[in-house]
PDB file of N, CA and C in Angstrom:
ATOM      1  N   MET A   1      -8.554 -57.485   8.774  1.00  0.00           N
ATOM      2  CA  MET A   1      -9.010 -57.902   7.851  1.00  0.00           C
ATOM      3  C   MET A   1      -9.414 -57.466   6.717  1.00  0.00           C
ATOM      4  N   GLU A   2      -8.863 -56.972   5.993  1.00  0.00           N
ATOM      5  CA  GLU A   2      -9.478 -55.910   5.141  1.00  0.00           C
ATOM      6  C   GLU A   2     -10.726 -56.872   4.047  1.00  0.00           C
ATOM      7  N   GLU A   3     -12.132 -56.215   3.627  1.00  0.00           N
ATOM      8  CA  GLU A   3     -13.172 -56.989   3.059  1.00  0.00           C
ATOM      9  C   GLU A   3     -12.832 -58.275   2.158  1.00  0.00           C
ATOM     10  N   GLU A   4     -11.682 -57.744   1.182  1.00  0.00           N
ATOM     11  CA  GLU A   4     -11.882 -58.914   0.216  1.00  0.00           C
ATOM     12  C   GLU A   4     -10.728 -60.551   0.299  1.00  0.00           C
ATOM     13  N   ASP A   5     -10.366 -60.034   1.933  1.00  0.00           N
ATOM     14  CA  ASP A   5      -9.396 -61.102   2.795  1.00  0.00           C
ATOM     15  C   ASP A   5     -10.673 -62.225   3.645  1.00  0.00           C
ATOM     16  N   TYR A   6     -11.469 -61.247   3.457  1.00  0.00           N
ATOM     17  CA  TYR A   6     -12.570 -61.911   4.471  1.00  0.00           C
ATOM     18  C   TYR A   6     -13.489 -62.479   3.426  1.00  0.00           C
ATOM     19  N   SER A   7     -13.763 -62.195   2.587  1.00  0.00           N
ATOM     20  CA  SER A   7     -14.421 -62.896   1.518  1.00  0.00           C
ATOM     21  C   SER A   7     -14.210 -64.332   1.045  1.00  0.00           C
ATOM     22  N   SER A   8     -12.961 -64.016   1.111  1.00  0.00           N
ATOM     23  CA  SER A   8     -12.188 -65.199   0.403  1.00  0.00           C
ATOM     24  C   SER A   8     -12.275 -66.460   1.483  1.00  0.00           C
ATOM     25  N   LEU A   9     -11.939 -65.818   2.964  1.00  0.00           N
ATOM     26  CA  LEU A   9     -12.063 -67.081   4.018  1.00  0.00           C
ATOM     27  C   LEU A   9     -13.903 -67.518   3.692  1.00  0.00           C
ATOM     28  N   LEU A  10     -14.577 -66.993   3.829  1.00  0.00           N
ATOM     29  CA  LEU A  10     -16.303 -67.009   3.707  1.00  0.00           C
ATOM     30  C   LEU A  10     -16.071 -68.095   2.729  1.00  0.00           C
ATOM     31  N   ARG A  11     -15.653 -68.568   1.468  1.00  0.00           N
ATOM     32  CA  ARG A  11     -15.604 -69.261   0.449  1.00  0.00           C
ATOM     33  C   ARG A  11     -15.578 -70.601   0.653  1.00  0.00           C
ATOM     34  N   HIS A  12     -14.618 -70.435   1.500  1.00  0.00           N
ATOM     35  CA  HIS A  12     -14.379 -71.959   2.286  1.00  0.00           C
ATOM     36  C   HIS A  12     -14.569 -72.323   3.467  1.00  0.00           C
ATOM     37  N   ILE A  13     -16.283 -71.968   3.874  1.00  0.00           N
ATOM     38  CA  ILE A  13     -15.920 -72.013   4.928  1.00  0.00           C
ATOM     39  C   ILE A  13     -17.539 -72.498   4.727  1.00  0.00           C
ATOM     40  N   SER A  14     -18.229 -73.667   5.260  1.00  0.00           N
ATOM     41  CA  SER A  14     -19.361 -74.294   5.046  1.00  0.00           C
ATOM     42  C   SER A  14     -20.289 -74.298   5.858  1.00  0.00           C
ATOM     43  N   THR A  15     -20.209 -73.808   7.096  1.00  0.00           N
ATOM     44  CA  THR A  15     -21.484 -74.162   8.321  1.00  0.00           C
ATOM     45  C   THR A  15     -21.768 -72.105   8.816  1.00  0.00           C
ATOM     46  N   PRO A  16     -23.037 -72.480   9.236  1.00  0.00           N
ATOM     47  CA  PRO A  16     -23.171 -70.871  10.123  1.00  0.00           C
ATOM     48  C   PRO A  16     -22.152 -70.639  11.438  1.00  0.00           C
ATOM     49  N   LEU A  17     -22.087 -71.654  11.831  1.00  0.00           N
ATOM     50  CA  LEU A  17     -21.132 -71.552  13.218  1.00  0.00           C
ATOM     51  C   LEU A  17     -19.635 -71.220  12.646  1.00  0.00           C
ATOM     52  N   ASP A  18     -19.695 -71.931  11.109  1.00  0.00           N
ATOM     53  CA  ASP A  18     -17.846 -71.599  10.560  1.00  0.00           C
ATOM     54  C   ASP A  18     -17.901 -69.850  10.658  1.00  0.00           C
ATOM     55  N   ILE A  19     -18.780 -69.410   9.994  1.00  0.00           N
ATOM     56  CA  ILE A  19     -18.991 -68.208   9.773  1.00  0.00           C
ATOM     57  C   ILE A  19     -18.794 -67.574  11.051  1.00  0.00           C
ATOM     58  N   ILE A  20     -19.879 -67.670  12.167  1.00  0.00           N
ATOM     59  CA  ILE A  20     -19.608 -66.854  13.024  1.00  0.00           C
ATOM     60  C   ILE A  20     -18.234 -66.926  13.906  1.00  0.00           C
ATOM     61  N   GLU A  21     -17.720 -68.388  13.726  1.00  0.00           N
ATOM     62  CA  GLU A  21     -15.950 -68.363  14.213  1.00  0.00           C
ATOM     63  C   GLU A  21     -15.257 -67.080  13.719  1.00  0.00           C
ATOM     64  N   THR A  22     -14.833 -67.720  12.242  1.00  0.00           N
ATOM     65  CA  THR A  22     -14.610 -67.011  11.497  1.00  0.00           C
ATOM     66  C   THR A  22     -14.381 -65.528  11.644  1.00  0.00           C
ATOM     67  N   LYS A  23     -15.938 -64.757  11.902  1.00  0.00           N
ATOM     68  CA  LYS A  23     -15.884 -63.434  11.781  1.00  0.00           C
ATOM     69  C   LYS A  23     -15.520 -63.166  13.258  1.00  0.00           C
ATOM     70  N   GLU A  24     -15.530 -63.735  14.295  1.00  0.00           N
ATOM     71  CA  GLU A  24     -14.847 -63.405  15.848  1.00  0.00           C
ATOM     72  C   GLU A  24     -13.651 -63.771  15.671  1.00  0.00           C
ATOM     73  N   LEU A  25     -12.915 -64.595  15.039  1.00  0.00           N
ATOM     74  CA  LEU A  25     -11.756 -64.419  14.807  1.00  0.00           C
ATOM     75  C   LEU A  25     -10.912 -63.623  14.207  1.00  0.00           C
ATOM     76  N   SER A  26     -11.791 -62.518  13.350  1.00  0.00           N
ATOM     77  CA  SER A  26     -11.153 -61.620  12.147  1.00  0.00           C
ATOM     78  C   SER A  26     -10.934 -60.576  13.493  1.00  0.00           C
ATOM     79  N   GLN A  27     -12.336 -60.526  14.165  1.00  0.00           N
ATOM     80  CA  GLN A  27     -12.566 -59.368  15.007  1.00  0.00           C
ATOM     81  C   GLN A  27     -11.607 -59.474  16.070  1.00  0.00           C
ATOM     82  N   ARG A  28     -10.997 -60.492  16.585  1.00  0.00           N
ATOM     83  CA  ARG A  28     -10.485 -60.297  17.548  1.00  0.00           C
ATOM     84  C   ARG A  28      -9.010 -60.571  17.105  1.00  0.00           C
ATOM     85  N   ILE A  29      -8.417 -60.497  16.237  1.00  0.00           N
ATOM     86  CA  ILE A  29      -7.001 -59.847  15.546  1.00  0.00           C
ATOM     87  C   ILE A  29      -7.120 -58.594  15.315  1.00  0.00           C
ATOM     88  N   SER A  30      -8.251 -58.637  14.356  1.00  0.00           N
ATOM     89  CA  SER A  30      -8.228 -56.820  14.599  1.00  0.00           C
ATOM     90  C   SER A  30      -7.750 -55.998  15.318  1.00  0.00           C
ATOM     91  N   GLU A  31      -8.626 -56.471  16.667  1.00  0.00           N
ATOM     92  CA  GLU A  31      -8.593 -55.805  17.734  1.00  0.00           C
ATOM     93  C   GLU A  31      -7.569 -55.725  19.141  1.00  0.00           C
ATOM     94  N   SER A  32      -6.813 -57.347  18.200  1.00  0.00           N
ATOM     95  CA  SER A  32      -5.492 -57.225  18.811  1.00  0.00           C
ATOM     96  C   SER A  32      -4.267 -56.913  18.575  1.00  0.00           C
ATOM     97  N   ILE A  33      -4.342 -56.139  17.020  1.00  0.00           N
ATOM     98  CA  ILE A  33      -3.519 -55.094  16.612  1.00  0.00           C
ATOM     99  C   ILE A  33      -3.689 -53.713  16.795  1.00  0.00           C
ATOM    100  N   ARG A  34      -4.805 -53.679  16.845  1.00  0.00           N
ATOM    101  CA  ARG A  34      -4.836 -52.546  17.415  1.00  0.00           C
ATOM    102  C   ARG A  34      -4.698 -51.919  18.665  1.00  0.00           C
ATOM    103  N   SER A  35      -4.795 -52.905  19.880  1.00  0.00           N
ATOM    104  CA  SER A  35      -4.010 -52.785  20.590  1.00  0.00           C
ATOM    105  C   SER A  35      -2.705 -52.431  20.755  1.00  0.00           C
ATOM    106  N   LEU A  36      -1.793 -53.235  20.007  1.00  0.00           N
ATOM    107  CA  LEU A  36      -0.458 -53.212  20.659  1.00  0.00           C
ATOM    108  C   LEU A  36       0.045 -51.597  20.572  1.00  0.00           C
ATOM    109  N   PRO A  37       1.270 -51.716  20.556  1.00  0.00           N
ATOM    110  CA  PRO A  37       1.803 -50.011  21.465  1.00  0.00           C
ATOM    111  C   PRO A  37       2.123 -49.489  19.945  1.00  0.00           C
ATOM    112  N   LEU A  38       2.026 -48.164  20.190  1.00  0.00           N
ATOM    113  CA  LEU A  38       2.219 -47.300  18.508  1.00  0.00           C
ATOM    114  C   LEU A  38       3.226 -48.332  17.797  1.00  0.00           C
ATOM    115  N   LYS A  39       4.536 -48.064  18.337  1.00  0.00           N
ATOM    116  CA  LYS A  39       5.574 -48.509  17.878  1.00  0.00           C
ATOM    117  C   LYS A  39       5.850 -49.888  17.324  1.00  0.00           C
ATOM    118  N   GLU A  40       5.309 -50.743  17.870  1.00  0.00           N
ATOM    119  CA  GLU A  40       5.395 -51.920  17.749  1.00  0.00           C
ATOM    120  C   GLU A  40       4.283 -52.371  16.571  1.00  0.00           C
ATOM    121  N   ARG A  41       2.804 -51.323  16.377  1.00  0.00           N
ATOM    122  CA  ARG A  41       1.830 -51.825  15.186  1.00  0.00           C
ATOM    123  C   ARG A  41       2.209 -51.234  14.165  1.00  0.00           C
ATOM    124  N   ILE A  42       3.247 -50.359  14.520  1.00  0.00           N
ATOM    125  CA  ILE A  42       3.439 -49.514  13.288  1.00  0.00           C
ATOM    126  C   ILE A  42       3.971 -50.544  12.207  1.00  0.00           C
ATOM    127  N   VAL A  43       5.572 -51.278  13.147  1.00  0.00           N
ATOM    128  CA  VAL A  43       6.197 -52.039  12.242  1.00  0.00           C
ATOM    129  C   VAL A  43       5.769 -53.144  11.943  1.00  0.00           C
ATOM    130  N   PHE A  44       4.610 -53.984  12.976  1.00  0.00           N
ATOM    131  CA  PHE A  44       4.148 -55.333  12.376  1.00  0.00           C
ATOM    132  C   PHE A  44       3.394 -54.768  11.041  1.00  0.00           C
ATOM    133  N   VAL A  45       2.632 -53.789  11.050  1.00  0.00           N
ATOM    134  CA  VAL A  45       1.705 -53.500   9.801  1.00  0.00           C
ATOM    135  C   VAL A  45       2.102 -53.368   8.503  1.00  0.00           C
ATOM    136  N   LEU A  46       3.056 -52.733   8.930  1.00  0.00           N
ATOM    137  CA  LEU A  46       4.477 -52.578   7.463  1.00  0.00           C
ATOM    138  C   LEU A  46       5.042 -53.762   6.888  1.00  0.00           C
ATOM    139  N   GLN A  47       4.926 -54.576   8.095  1.00  0.00           N
ATOM    140  CA  GLN A  47       6.184 -55.948   7.384  1.00  0.00           C
ATOM    141  C   GLN A  47       4.587 -56.622   7.048  1.00  0.00           C
ATOM    142  N   VAL A  48       3.879 -57.173   8.101  1.00  0.00           N
ATOM    143  CA  VAL A  48       2.818 -58.323   7.795  1.00  0.00           C
ATOM    144  C   VAL A  48       1.334 -57.484   6.681  1.00  0.00           C
ATOM    145  N   GLN A  49       0.976 -56.444   6.707  1.00  0.00           N
ATOM    146  CA  GLN A  49      -0.221 -56.150   5.703  1.00  0.00           C
ATOM    147  C   GLN A  49       0.879 -55.303   4.361  1.00  0.00           C
ATOM    148  N   HIS A  50       1.659 -54.764   4.537  1.00  0.00           N
ATOM    149  CA  HIS A  50       2.118 -53.732   3.204  1.00  0.00           C
ATOM    150  C   HIS A  50       3.262 -54.847   2.579  1.00  0.00           C
ATOM    151  N   GLY A  51       3.903 -56.082   3.266  1.00  0.00           N
ATOM    152  CA  GLY A  51       5.159 -56.748   2.981  1.00  0.00           C
ATOM    153  C   GLY A  51       6.197 -55.880   2.726  1.00  0.00           C
ATOM    154  N   LEU A  52       6.780 -55.030   3.745  1.00  0.00           N
ATOM    155  CA  LEU A  52       7.977 -54.406   3.877  1.00  0.00           C
ATOM    156  C   LEU A  52       8.846 -55.125   4.229  1.00  0.00           C
ATOM    157  N   SER A  53      10.006 -54.956   3.694  1.00  0.00           N
ATOM    158  CA  SER A  53      11.823 -55.801   4.406  1.00  0.00           C
ATOM    159  C   SER A  53      11.677 -55.398   5.229  1.00  0.00           C
ATOM    160  N   TYR A  54      12.482 -55.682   6.290  1.00  0.00           N
ATOM    161  CA  TYR A  54      13.137 -55.102   7.833  1.00  0.00           C
ATOM    162  C   TYR A  54      14.029 -53.741   7.266  1.00  0.00           C
ATOM    163  N   ARG A  55      14.790 -53.817   6.242  1.00  0.00           N
ATOM    164  CA  ARG A  55      15.391 -52.668   5.650  1.00  0.00           C
ATOM    165  C   ARG A  55      14.326 -51.833   5.544  1.00  0.00           C
ATOM    166  N   GLU A  56      13.476 -52.065   4.421  1.00  0.00           N
ATOM    167  CA  GLU A  56      12.367 -50.720   3.768  1.00  0.00           C
ATOM    168  C   GLU A  56      11.570 -50.139   5.212  1.00  0.00           C
ATOM    169  N   ILE A  57      11.360 -51.139   6.333  1.00  0.00           N
ATOM    170  CA  ILE A  57      10.593 -50.617   7.031  1.00  0.00           C
ATOM    171  C   ILE A  57      11.885 -50.007   8.279  1.00  0.00           C
ATOM    172  N   ALA A  58      13.018 -50.277   8.288  1.00  0.00           N
ATOM    173  CA  ALA A  58      14.156 -49.291   9.293  1.00  0.00           C
ATOM    174  C   ALA A  58      13.730 -47.836   8.621  1.00  0.00           C
ATOM    175  N   ASP A  59      14.184 -47.658   7.138  1.00  0.00           N
ATOM    176  CA  ASP A  59      14.326 -46.781   6.324  1.00  0.00           C
ATOM    177  C   ASP A  59      13.403 -46.030   6.528  1.00  0.00           C
ATOM    178  N   SER A  60      11.954 -46.718   6.763  1.00  0.00           N
ATOM    179  CA  SER A  60      10.200 -45.466   6.700  1.00  0.00           C
ATOM    180  C   SER A  60      10.426 -44.899   8.013  1.00  0.00           C
ATOM    181  N   VAL A  61      10.777 -45.758   8.975  1.00  0.00           N
ATOM    182  CA  VAL A  61      10.433 -44.781  10.638  1.00  0.00           C
ATOM    183  C   VAL A  61      12.024 -45.021  11.135  1.00  0.00           C
ATOM    184  N   CYS A  62      12.966 -44.772  10.105  1.00  0.00           N
ATOM    185  CA  CYS A  62      14.645 -43.980  11.080  1.00  0.00           C
ATOM    186  C   CYS A  62      14.489 -44.591  11.646  1.00  0.00           C
ATOM    187  N   CYS A  63      14.434 -46.372  12.383  1.00  0.00           N
ATOM    188  CA  CYS A  63      15.520 -46.316  12.989  1.00  0.00           C
ATOM    189  C   CYS A  63      16.308 -47.596  12.856  1.00  0.00           C
ATOM    190  N   PRO A  64      17.124 -47.743  13.691  1.00  0.00           N
ATOM    191  CA  PRO A  64      17.739 -48.740  13.365  1.00  0.00           C
ATOM    192  C   PRO A  64      17.535 -50.709  12.557  1.00  0.00           C
ATOM    193  N   LEU A  65      17.967 -51.344  12.268  1.00  0.00           N
ATOM    194  CA  LEU A  65      17.650 -52.392  11.769  1.00  0.00           C
ATOM    195  C   LEU A  65      16.989 -53.436  13.087  1.00  0.00           C
ATOM    196  N   GLY A  66      17.684 -53.338  13.773  1.00  0.00           N
ATOM    197  CA  GLY A  66      17.596 -54.304  15.370  1.00  0.00           C
ATOM    198  C   GLY A  66      16.658 -53.644  16.222  1.00  0.00           C
ATOM    199  N   THR A  67      16.018 -52.804  15.978  1.00  0.00           N
ATOM    200  CA  THR A  67      14.977 -52.101  16.890  1.00  0.00           C
ATOM    201  C   THR A  67      13.770 -52.618  16.032  1.00  0.00           C
ATOM    202  N   VAL A  68      14.044 -52.161  14.503  1.00  0.00           N
ATOM    203  CA  VAL A  68      12.779 -53.099  13.757  1.00  0.00           C
ATOM    204  C   VAL A  68      12.339 -54.011  13.935  1.00  0.00           C
ATOM    205  N   MET A  69      13.386 -55.541  14.221  1.00  0.00           N
ATOM    206  CA  MET A  69      13.675 -56.676  14.564  1.00  0.00           C
ATOM    207  C   MET A  69      13.264 -57.280  16.053  1.00  0.00           C
ATOM    208  N   SER A  70      13.525 -55.966  16.922  1.00  0.00           N
ATOM    209  CA  SER A  70      12.884 -56.307  18.038  1.00  0.00           C
ATOM    210  C   SER A  70      11.582 -55.716  18.543  1.00  0.00           C
ATOM    211  N   ARG A  71      11.356 -55.299  17.601  1.00  0.00           N
ATOM    212  CA  ARG A  71       9.678 -54.476  17.749  1.00  0.00           C
ATOM    213  C   ARG A  71       8.736 -55.407  17.054  1.00  0.00           C
ATOM    214  N   LEU A  72       9.317 -56.182  16.216  1.00  0.00           N
ATOM    215  CA  LEU A  72       8.221 -56.491  15.511  1.00  0.00           C
ATOM    216  C   LEU A  72       8.177 -57.882  16.274  1.00  0.00           C
ATOM    217  N   ASP A  73       8.942 -58.680  17.155  1.00  0.00           N
ATOM    218  CA  ASP A  73       9.426 -59.924  18.118  1.00  0.00           C
ATOM    219  C   ASP A  73       8.358 -59.559  19.321  1.00  0.00           C
ATOM    220  N   ARG A  74       8.374 -58.508  19.609  1.00  0.00           N
ATOM    221  CA  ARG A  74       7.712 -57.904  21.051  1.00  0.00           C
ATOM    222  C   ARG A  74       6.267 -57.871  20.425  1.00  0.00           C
ATOM    223  N   ALA A  75       5.842 -57.335  19.494  1.00  0.00           N
ATOM    224  CA  ALA A  75       4.577 -57.391  18.234  1.00  0.00           C
ATOM    225  C   ALA A  75       4.062 -58.786  18.509  1.00  0.00           C
ATOM    226  N   ARG A  76       5.020 -59.689  17.956  1.00  0.00           N
ATOM    227  CA  ARG A  76       4.483 -61.357  17.655  1.00  0.00           C
ATOM    228  C   ARG A  76       4.214 -61.804  18.976  1.00  0.00           C
ATOM    229  N   ARG A  77       5.231 -61.449  19.842  1.00  0.00           N
ATOM    230  CA  ARG A  77       5.229 -62.179  21.284  1.00  0.00           C
ATOM    231  C   ARG A  77       3.594 -62.083  22.388  1.00  0.00           C
ATOM    232  N   ILE A  78       3.377 -60.312  21.624  1.00  0.00           N
ATOM    233  CA  ILE A  78       2.489 -59.623  22.353  1.00  0.00           C
ATOM    234  C   ILE A  78       0.813 -60.115  21.507  1.00  0.00           C
ATOM    235  N   LEU A  79       1.117 -60.619  20.312  1.00  0.00           N
ATOM    236  CA  LEU A  79      -0.354 -61.352  19.802  1.00  0.00           C
ATOM    237  C   LEU A  79      -0.606 -62.622  20.064  1.00  0.00           C
ATOM    238  N   ARG A  80       0.198 -63.192  20.334  1.00  0.00           N
ATOM    239  CA  ARG A  80       0.470 -64.466  20.129  1.00  0.00           C
ATOM    240  C   ARG A  80      -0.060 -65.273  21.539  1.00  0.00           C
ATOM    241  N   ASP A  81      -0.089 -63.912  22.993  1.00  0.00           N
ATOM    242  CA  ASP A  81      -0.425 -64.214  23.727  1.00  0.00           C
ATOM    243  C   ASP A  81      -2.352 -63.760  24.438  1.00  0.00           C
ATOM    244  N   LYS A  82      -1.697 -62.441  22.959  1.00  0.00           N
ATOM    245  CA  LYS A  82      -3.607 -62.162  23.521  1.00  0.00           C
ATOM    246  C   LYS A  82      -4.654 -63.470  22.777  1.00  0.00           C
ATOM    247  N   LEU A  83      -4.143 -63.953  21.391  1.00  0.00           N
ATOM    248  CA  LEU A  83      -4.819 -64.920  20.664  1.00  0.00           C
ATOM    249  C   LEU A  83      -4.294 -66.657  20.904  1.00  0.00           C
ATOM    250  N   LYS A  84      -3.989 -66.969  22.231  1.00  0.00           N
ATOM    251  CA  LYS A  84      -3.528 -67.890  22.582  1.00  0.00           C
ATOM    252  C   LYS A  84      -4.718 -69.041  22.637  1.00  0.00           C
ATOM    253  N   ASP A  85      -5.647 -68.331  22.958  1.00  0.00           N
ATOM    254  CA  ASP A  85      -7.160 -69.534  22.914  1.00  0.00           C
ATOM    255  C   ASP A  85      -7.213 -69.395  21.224  1.00  0.00           C
ATOM    256  N   TYR A  86      -7.001 -69.159  20.589  1.00  0.00           N
ATOM    257  CA  TYR A  86      -7.321 -69.631  18.843  1.00  0.00           C
ATOM    258  C   TYR A  86      -6.041 -70.200  18.330  1.00  0.00           C
ATOM    259  N   ILE A  87      -4.874 -70.341  19.097  1.00  0.00           N
ATOM    260  CA  ILE A  87      -3.844 -71.158  18.194  1.00  0.00           C
ATOM    261  C   ILE A  87      -4.032 -72.509  18.763  1.00  0.00           C
ATOM    262  N   VAL A  88      -4.210 -73.274  17.507  1.00  0.00           N
ATOM    263  CA  VAL A  88      -3.768 -74.685  17.559  1.00  0.00           C
ATOM    264  C   VAL A  88      -2.386 -75.193  18.075  1.00  0.00           C
TER     265      VAL A  88
END
């Protein structure tokens, strides 16, 4: 997470335990994204953090649109599995 995103989260937290849990979750999300296979991580970051469309990602990484879609799906499945303890 970017520092400004983290700061905005902290403004809505009321207890020290909330702060610790938020930091832990933030670290876990960052670690999980970094652990993605490179091709999946690239398309995930381009889509989620940079807001690129599927077509823009496909053009950026020089691969078919369907490949971008499957890589994003795979990245989401991996992250969902890694973060299942935090998902309600």
